[in-house]
Amino acid sequence: MNCKYRYCGAGLPADTNGNRHYCDDYCSYEERLEREKERYNKKKSTLSEMTRIEGLLRACHNQYGESPFDVNILRSLGMNWTLYSSILHAEFGEIRIVGSLGYIVLENFTILILKF
């Protein structure tokens, strides 16, 4: 069996415990740091994408106000429809919240942006 640290790969002695994955504490610690870096970078990229989406919504809200406009405008700007902070359920549909703004896609391919 080999050390599971991505930059080591040294062989473990045959008499080690079967639950052991690393050759020493240094490799265990370094692998943990690598996992934390990956987790942080993923979180950072998600947060920067959320900030970009909020900026798109804010720019459209400044231009169109709280009146419906064509959804294709946001599509052409590269809107990511999968990221949102939370969802509010209203009688006229589902409001997706991104930061301090929310949007609802209406039936006739228009979108309404609300400020909270």
N, C-alpha and C. Protein backbone atom coordinates (compact mmCIF):
# COMPACT_ATOMS: atom_id res chain seq x y z
N MET A 1 0.84 -1.17 0.00
CA MET A 1 0.00 0.00 0.00
C MET A 1 0.89 1.24 0.00
N ASN A 2 0.45 2.28 -0.72
CA ASN A 2 1.23 3.51 -0.85
C ASN A 2 0.61 4.64 -0.06
N CYS A 3 1.43 5.64 0.24
CA CYS A 3 0.99 6.85 0.92
C CYS A 3 -0.01 7.58 0.03
N LYS A 4 -1.13 8.07 0.59
CA LYS A 4 -2.18 8.72 -0.17
C LYS A 4 -1.93 10.21 -0.41
N TYR A 5 -0.86 10.76 0.15
CA TYR A 5 -0.54 12.16 -0.11
C TYR A 5 -0.17 12.29 -1.57
N ARG A 6 -0.80 13.22 -2.27
CA ARG A 6 -0.69 13.31 -3.73
C ARG A 6 0.72 13.58 -4.25
N TYR A 7 1.60 14.09 -3.41
CA TYR A 7 2.97 14.36 -3.86
C TYR A 7 4.00 13.41 -3.25
N CYS A 8 3.57 12.38 -2.54
CA CYS A 8 4.51 11.46 -1.90
C CYS A 8 4.48 10.11 -2.61
N GLY A 9 3.48 9.29 -2.33
CA GLY A 9 3.35 7.99 -2.96
C GLY A 9 4.33 6.94 -2.48
N ALA A 10 5.02 7.21 -1.37
CA ALA A 10 5.98 6.23 -0.83
C ALA A 10 5.23 5.00 -0.31
N GLY A 11 5.87 3.89 -0.36
CA GLY A 11 5.26 2.65 0.12
C GLY A 11 5.20 2.61 1.64
N LEU A 12 4.09 2.12 2.16
CA LEU A 12 3.94 1.97 3.61
C LEU A 12 4.50 0.61 4.01
N PRO A 13 5.11 0.52 5.18
CA PRO A 13 5.63 -0.78 5.64
C PRO A 13 4.49 -1.80 5.77
N ALA A 14 4.82 -3.05 5.60
CA ALA A 14 3.82 -4.11 5.61
C ALA A 14 3.20 -4.30 6.99
N ASP A 15 3.89 -3.91 8.04
CA ASP A 15 3.38 -4.12 9.39
C ASP A 15 2.55 -2.95 9.93
N THR A 16 2.19 -1.98 9.08
CA THR A 16 1.39 -0.84 9.56
C THR A 16 -0.08 -1.22 9.65
N ASN A 17 -0.81 -0.44 10.42
CA ASN A 17 -2.24 -0.63 10.59
C ASN A 17 -2.93 -0.46 9.23
N GLY A 18 -3.93 -1.26 8.96
CA GLY A 18 -4.64 -1.21 7.69
C GLY A 18 -5.43 0.06 7.48
N ASN A 19 -5.71 0.81 8.55
CA ASN A 19 -6.45 2.06 8.42
C ASN A 19 -5.55 3.25 8.14
N ARG A 20 -4.26 3.05 8.16
CA ARG A 20 -3.32 4.14 7.95
C ARG A 20 -3.20 4.43 6.46
N HIS A 21 -3.30 5.72 6.10
CA HIS A 21 -3.25 6.12 4.70
C HIS A 21 -2.00 6.91 4.34
N TYR A 22 -1.29 7.43 5.32
CA TYR A 22 -0.14 8.29 5.07
C TYR A 22 1.09 7.72 5.76
N CYS A 23 2.26 8.01 5.19
CA CYS A 23 3.49 7.45 5.74
C CYS A 23 3.90 8.13 7.05
N ASP A 24 3.54 9.41 7.24
CA ASP A 24 3.84 10.10 8.50
C ASP A 24 2.86 11.25 8.70
N ASP A 25 3.01 11.95 9.81
CA ASP A 25 2.10 13.06 10.13
C ASP A 25 2.26 14.22 9.15
N TYR A 26 3.45 14.41 8.64
CA TYR A 26 3.69 15.50 7.67
C TYR A 26 2.83 15.30 6.43
N CYS A 27 2.82 14.10 5.86
CA CYS A 27 2.02 13.82 4.66
C CYS A 27 0.53 13.98 4.95
N SER A 28 0.10 13.54 6.11
CA SER A 28 -1.30 13.68 6.50
C SER A 28 -1.69 15.16 6.58
N TYR A 29 -0.83 15.96 7.21
CA TYR A 29 -1.09 17.39 7.36
C TYR A 29 -1.09 18.10 6.01
N GLU A 30 -0.13 17.79 5.16
CA GLU A 30 -0.03 18.43 3.86
C GLU A 30 -1.23 18.08 2.97
N GLU A 31 -1.69 16.85 3.02
CA GLU A 31 -2.86 16.46 2.24
C GLU A 31 -4.10 17.20 2.73
N ARG A 32 -4.20 17.36 4.04
CA ARG A 32 -5.31 18.12 4.60
C ARG A 32 -5.27 19.57 4.12
N LEU A 33 -4.08 20.15 4.07
CA LEU A 33 -3.95 21.52 3.55
C LEU A 33 -4.38 21.61 2.09
N GLU A 34 -4.01 20.62 1.30
CA GLU A 34 -4.39 20.61 -0.11
C GLU A 34 -5.92 20.53 -0.26
N ARG A 35 -6.56 19.70 0.55
CA ARG A 35 -8.03 19.61 0.50
C ARG A 35 -8.68 20.93 0.89
N GLU A 36 -8.13 21.58 1.91
CA GLU A 36 -8.67 22.87 2.34
C GLU A 36 -8.48 23.94 1.27
N LYS A 37 -7.35 23.92 0.57
CA LYS A 37 -7.13 24.88 -0.52
C LYS A 37 -8.16 24.67 -1.63
N GLU A 38 -8.41 23.42 -1.98
CA GLU A 38 -9.40 23.12 -3.02
C GLU A 38 -10.80 23.58 -2.59
N ARG A 39 -11.14 23.31 -1.35
CA ARG A 39 -12.45 23.72 -0.82
C ARG A 39 -12.59 25.24 -0.83
N TYR A 40 -11.53 25.94 -0.43
CA TYR A 40 -11.54 27.40 -0.41
C TYR A 40 -11.67 27.97 -1.82
N ASN A 41 -10.92 27.43 -2.77
CA ASN A 41 -10.98 27.92 -4.15
C ASN A 41 -12.36 27.70 -4.77
N LYS A 42 -12.98 26.58 -4.45
CA LYS A 42 -14.34 26.32 -4.96
C LYS A 42 -15.32 27.32 -4.37
N LYS A 43 -15.21 27.56 -3.07
CA LYS A 43 -16.10 28.52 -2.41
C LYS A 43 -15.86 29.93 -2.96
N LYS A 44 -14.61 30.28 -3.17
CA LYS A 44 -14.27 31.60 -3.68
C LYS A 44 -14.83 31.81 -5.09
N SER A 45 -14.73 30.81 -5.95
CA SER A 45 -15.24 30.95 -7.31
C SER A 45 -16.77 31.05 -7.31
N THR A 46 -17.42 30.32 -6.42
CA THR A 46 -18.88 30.40 -6.32
C THR A 46 -19.31 31.78 -5.85
N LEU A 47 -18.61 32.32 -4.86
CA LEU A 47 -18.96 33.65 -4.36
C LEU A 47 -18.70 34.73 -5.40
N SER A 48 -17.64 34.60 -6.17
CA SER A 48 -17.38 35.60 -7.21
C SER A 48 -18.43 35.52 -8.31
N GLU A 49 -18.91 34.32 -8.61
CA GLU A 49 -19.98 34.16 -9.60
C GLU A 49 -21.28 34.76 -9.07
N MET A 50 -21.56 34.59 -7.78
CA MET A 50 -22.76 35.20 -7.18
C MET A 50 -22.68 36.72 -7.26
N THR A 51 -21.51 37.27 -7.02
CA THR A 51 -21.32 38.72 -7.11
C THR A 51 -21.53 39.20 -8.54
N ARG A 52 -21.05 38.43 -9.52
CA ARG A 52 -21.24 38.79 -10.92
C ARG A 52 -22.72 38.77 -11.29
N ILE A 53 -23.44 37.75 -10.82
CA ILE A 53 -24.88 37.65 -11.11
C ILE A 53 -25.62 38.82 -10.48
N GLU A 54 -25.27 39.15 -9.24
CA GLU A 54 -25.93 40.29 -8.58
C GLU A 54 -25.65 41.58 -9.34
N GLY A 55 -24.46 41.73 -9.89
CA GLY A 55 -24.14 42.90 -10.69
C GLY A 55 -24.98 42.98 -11.96
N LEU A 56 -25.17 41.84 -12.62
CA LEU A 56 -26.03 41.81 -13.81
C LEU A 56 -27.46 42.22 -13.47
N LEU A 57 -27.97 41.65 -12.37
CA LEU A 57 -29.34 41.98 -11.96
C LEU A 57 -29.45 43.45 -11.57
N ARG A 58 -28.43 43.97 -10.89
CA ARG A 58 -28.46 45.37 -10.48
C ARG A 58 -28.43 46.31 -11.71
N ALA A 59 -27.61 45.97 -12.70
CA ALA A 59 -27.54 46.79 -13.91
C ALA A 59 -28.88 46.78 -14.65
N CYS A 60 -29.51 45.61 -14.75
CA CYS A 60 -30.81 45.53 -15.41
C CYS A 60 -31.88 46.24 -14.59
N HIS A 61 -31.80 46.15 -13.27
CA HIS A 61 -32.77 46.85 -12.42
C HIS A 61 -32.62 48.36 -12.56
N ASN A 62 -31.38 48.84 -12.68
CA ASN A 62 -31.16 50.27 -12.86
C ASN A 62 -31.70 50.74 -14.21
N GLN A 63 -31.62 49.89 -15.22
CA GLN A 63 -32.07 50.26 -16.56
C GLN A 63 -33.59 50.13 -16.72
N TYR A 64 -34.17 49.03 -16.22
CA TYR A 64 -35.59 48.75 -16.47
C TYR A 64 -36.48 48.98 -15.26
N GLY A 65 -35.90 49.17 -14.09
CA GLY A 65 -36.70 49.34 -12.88
C GLY A 65 -37.42 48.06 -12.52
N GLU A 66 -38.60 48.19 -11.95
CA GLU A 66 -39.38 47.01 -11.56
C GLU A 66 -40.47 46.70 -12.58
N SER A 67 -40.16 46.93 -13.84
CA SER A 67 -41.08 46.55 -14.91
C SER A 67 -40.51 45.35 -15.65
N PRO A 68 -41.36 44.47 -16.15
CA PRO A 68 -40.88 43.27 -16.85
C PRO A 68 -40.14 43.62 -18.14
N PHE A 69 -39.11 42.83 -18.45
CA PHE A 69 -38.38 42.99 -19.70
C PHE A 69 -38.02 41.61 -20.23
N ASP A 70 -37.51 41.56 -21.44
CA ASP A 70 -37.24 40.30 -22.14
C ASP A 70 -36.14 39.52 -21.43
N VAL A 71 -36.37 38.24 -21.18
CA VAL A 71 -35.42 37.38 -20.49
C VAL A 71 -34.16 37.13 -21.32
N ASN A 72 -34.26 37.28 -22.63
CA ASN A 72 -33.10 37.05 -23.50
C ASN A 72 -31.99 38.07 -23.29
N ILE A 73 -32.32 39.20 -22.72
CA ILE A 73 -31.29 40.21 -22.41
C ILE A 73 -30.31 39.64 -21.40
N LEU A 74 -30.82 39.02 -20.34
CA LEU A 74 -29.93 38.41 -19.35
C LEU A 74 -29.24 37.17 -19.91
N ARG A 75 -29.89 36.44 -20.76
CA ARG A 75 -29.25 35.27 -21.39
C ARG A 75 -28.05 35.69 -22.22
N SER A 76 -28.19 36.79 -22.96
CA SER A 76 -27.08 37.26 -23.79
C SER A 76 -25.91 37.76 -22.95
N LEU A 77 -26.18 38.19 -21.72
CA LEU A 77 -25.13 38.66 -20.81
C LEU A 77 -24.47 37.51 -20.05
N GLY A 78 -24.93 36.29 -20.25
CA GLY A 78 -24.32 35.13 -19.60
C GLY A 78 -24.83 34.89 -18.19
N MET A 79 -26.10 35.10 -17.97
CA MET A 79 -26.71 34.87 -16.66
C MET A 79 -26.64 33.40 -16.28
N ASN A 80 -26.19 33.12 -15.06
CA ASN A 80 -26.16 31.76 -14.54
C ASN A 80 -27.43 31.56 -13.71
N TRP A 81 -28.36 30.79 -14.23
CA TRP A 81 -29.67 30.63 -13.60
C TRP A 81 -29.65 29.63 -12.45
N THR A 82 -28.56 28.91 -12.26
CA THR A 82 -28.52 27.86 -11.24
C THR A 82 -28.09 28.35 -9.87
N LEU A 83 -27.48 29.52 -9.78
CA LEU A 83 -27.01 30.03 -8.49
C LEU A 83 -27.97 31.06 -7.92
N TYR A 84 -28.34 30.88 -6.67
CA TYR A 84 -29.18 31.84 -5.96
C TYR A 84 -29.01 31.59 -4.47
N SER A 85 -29.31 32.62 -3.67
CA SER A 85 -29.17 32.52 -2.22
C SER A 85 -30.33 31.78 -1.58
N SER A 86 -31.54 32.14 -1.99
CA SER A 86 -32.73 31.51 -1.43
C SER A 86 -33.89 31.68 -2.40
N ILE A 87 -35.01 31.07 -2.05
CA ILE A 87 -36.22 31.13 -2.88
C ILE A 87 -37.38 31.56 -2.00
N LEU A 88 -38.16 32.51 -2.50
CA LEU A 88 -39.41 32.91 -1.86
C LEU A 88 -40.56 32.46 -2.75
N HIS A 89 -41.59 31.92 -2.14
CA HIS A 89 -42.75 31.49 -2.90
C HIS A 89 -43.84 32.55 -2.75
N ALA A 90 -44.29 33.09 -3.87
CA ALA A 90 -45.36 34.09 -3.89
C ALA A 90 -46.52 33.52 -4.71
N GLU A 91 -47.67 34.21 -4.68
CA GLU A 91 -48.82 33.69 -5.41
C GLU A 91 -48.63 33.76 -6.92
N PHE A 92 -47.75 34.63 -7.39
CA PHE A 92 -47.53 34.75 -8.83
C PHE A 92 -46.29 34.01 -9.32
N GLY A 93 -45.62 33.28 -8.44
CA GLY A 93 -44.47 32.48 -8.87
C GLY A 93 -43.39 32.36 -7.82
N GLU A 94 -42.25 31.93 -8.26
CA GLU A 94 -41.10 31.66 -7.40
C GLU A 94 -40.07 32.77 -7.59
N ILE A 95 -39.74 33.46 -6.50
CA ILE A 95 -38.76 34.54 -6.55
C ILE A 95 -37.42 33.99 -6.08
N ARG A 96 -36.41 34.07 -6.93
CA ARG A 96 -35.06 33.63 -6.57
C ARG A 96 -34.25 34.83 -6.12
N ILE A 97 -33.68 34.72 -4.94
CA ILE A 97 -32.95 35.82 -4.33
C ILE A 97 -31.46 35.65 -4.59
N VAL A 98 -30.83 36.74 -5.03
CA VAL A 98 -29.37 36.80 -5.20
C VAL A 98 -28.92 38.09 -4.55
N GLY A 99 -28.32 37.97 -3.37
CA GLY A 99 -27.89 39.17 -2.64
C GLY A 99 -29.08 39.98 -2.18
N SER A 100 -29.15 41.24 -2.59
CA SER A 100 -30.25 42.10 -2.20
C SER A 100 -31.30 42.24 -3.30
N LEU A 101 -31.18 41.45 -4.34
CA LEU A 101 -32.13 41.49 -5.45
C LEU A 101 -32.77 40.12 -5.65
N GLY A 102 -33.95 40.14 -6.21
CA GLY A 102 -34.64 38.90 -6.52
C GLY A 102 -35.22 38.99 -7.92
N TYR A 103 -35.39 37.85 -8.55
CA TYR A 103 -35.99 37.86 -9.88
C TYR A 103 -37.02 36.76 -9.99
N ILE A 104 -37.97 37.01 -10.87
CA ILE A 104 -39.00 36.03 -11.17
C ILE A 104 -39.18 36.00 -12.69
N VAL A 105 -39.14 34.82 -13.26
CA VAL A 105 -39.36 34.65 -14.70
C VAL A 105 -40.85 34.43 -14.90
N LEU A 106 -41.44 35.29 -15.68
CA LEU A 106 -42.89 35.24 -15.92
C LEU A 106 -43.20 34.35 -17.12
N GLU A 107 -44.48 34.08 -17.34
CA GLU A 107 -44.90 33.11 -18.35
C GLU A 107 -44.59 33.53 -19.78
N ASN A 108 -44.60 34.81 -20.08
CA ASN A 108 -44.42 35.27 -21.45
C ASN A 108 -42.96 35.62 -21.76
N PHE A 109 -42.03 34.85 -21.20
CA PHE A 109 -40.58 35.01 -21.41
C PHE A 109 -40.09 36.40 -21.06
N THR A 110 -40.66 36.94 -20.01
CA THR A 110 -40.17 38.20 -19.46
C THR A 110 -39.70 37.94 -18.04
N ILE A 111 -38.90 38.86 -17.53
CA ILE A 111 -38.35 38.71 -16.18
C ILE A 111 -38.62 40.01 -15.42
N LEU A 112 -38.87 39.85 -14.16
CA LEU A 112 -39.12 40.97 -13.27
C LEU A 112 -38.07 40.93 -12.17
N ILE A 113 -37.36 42.05 -11.96
CA ILE A 113 -36.34 42.12 -10.92
C ILE A 113 -36.86 42.99 -9.79
N LEU A 114 -36.78 42.44 -8.58
CA LEU A 114 -37.26 43.14 -7.39
C LEU A 114 -36.09 43.44 -6.47
N LYS A 115 -36.16 44.60 -5.81
CA LYS A 115 -35.11 44.99 -4.87
C LYS A 115 -35.65 44.76 -3.45
N PHE A 116 -34.82 44.14 -2.60
CA PHE A 116 -35.22 43.86 -1.22
C PHE A 116 -34.46 44.72 -0.25
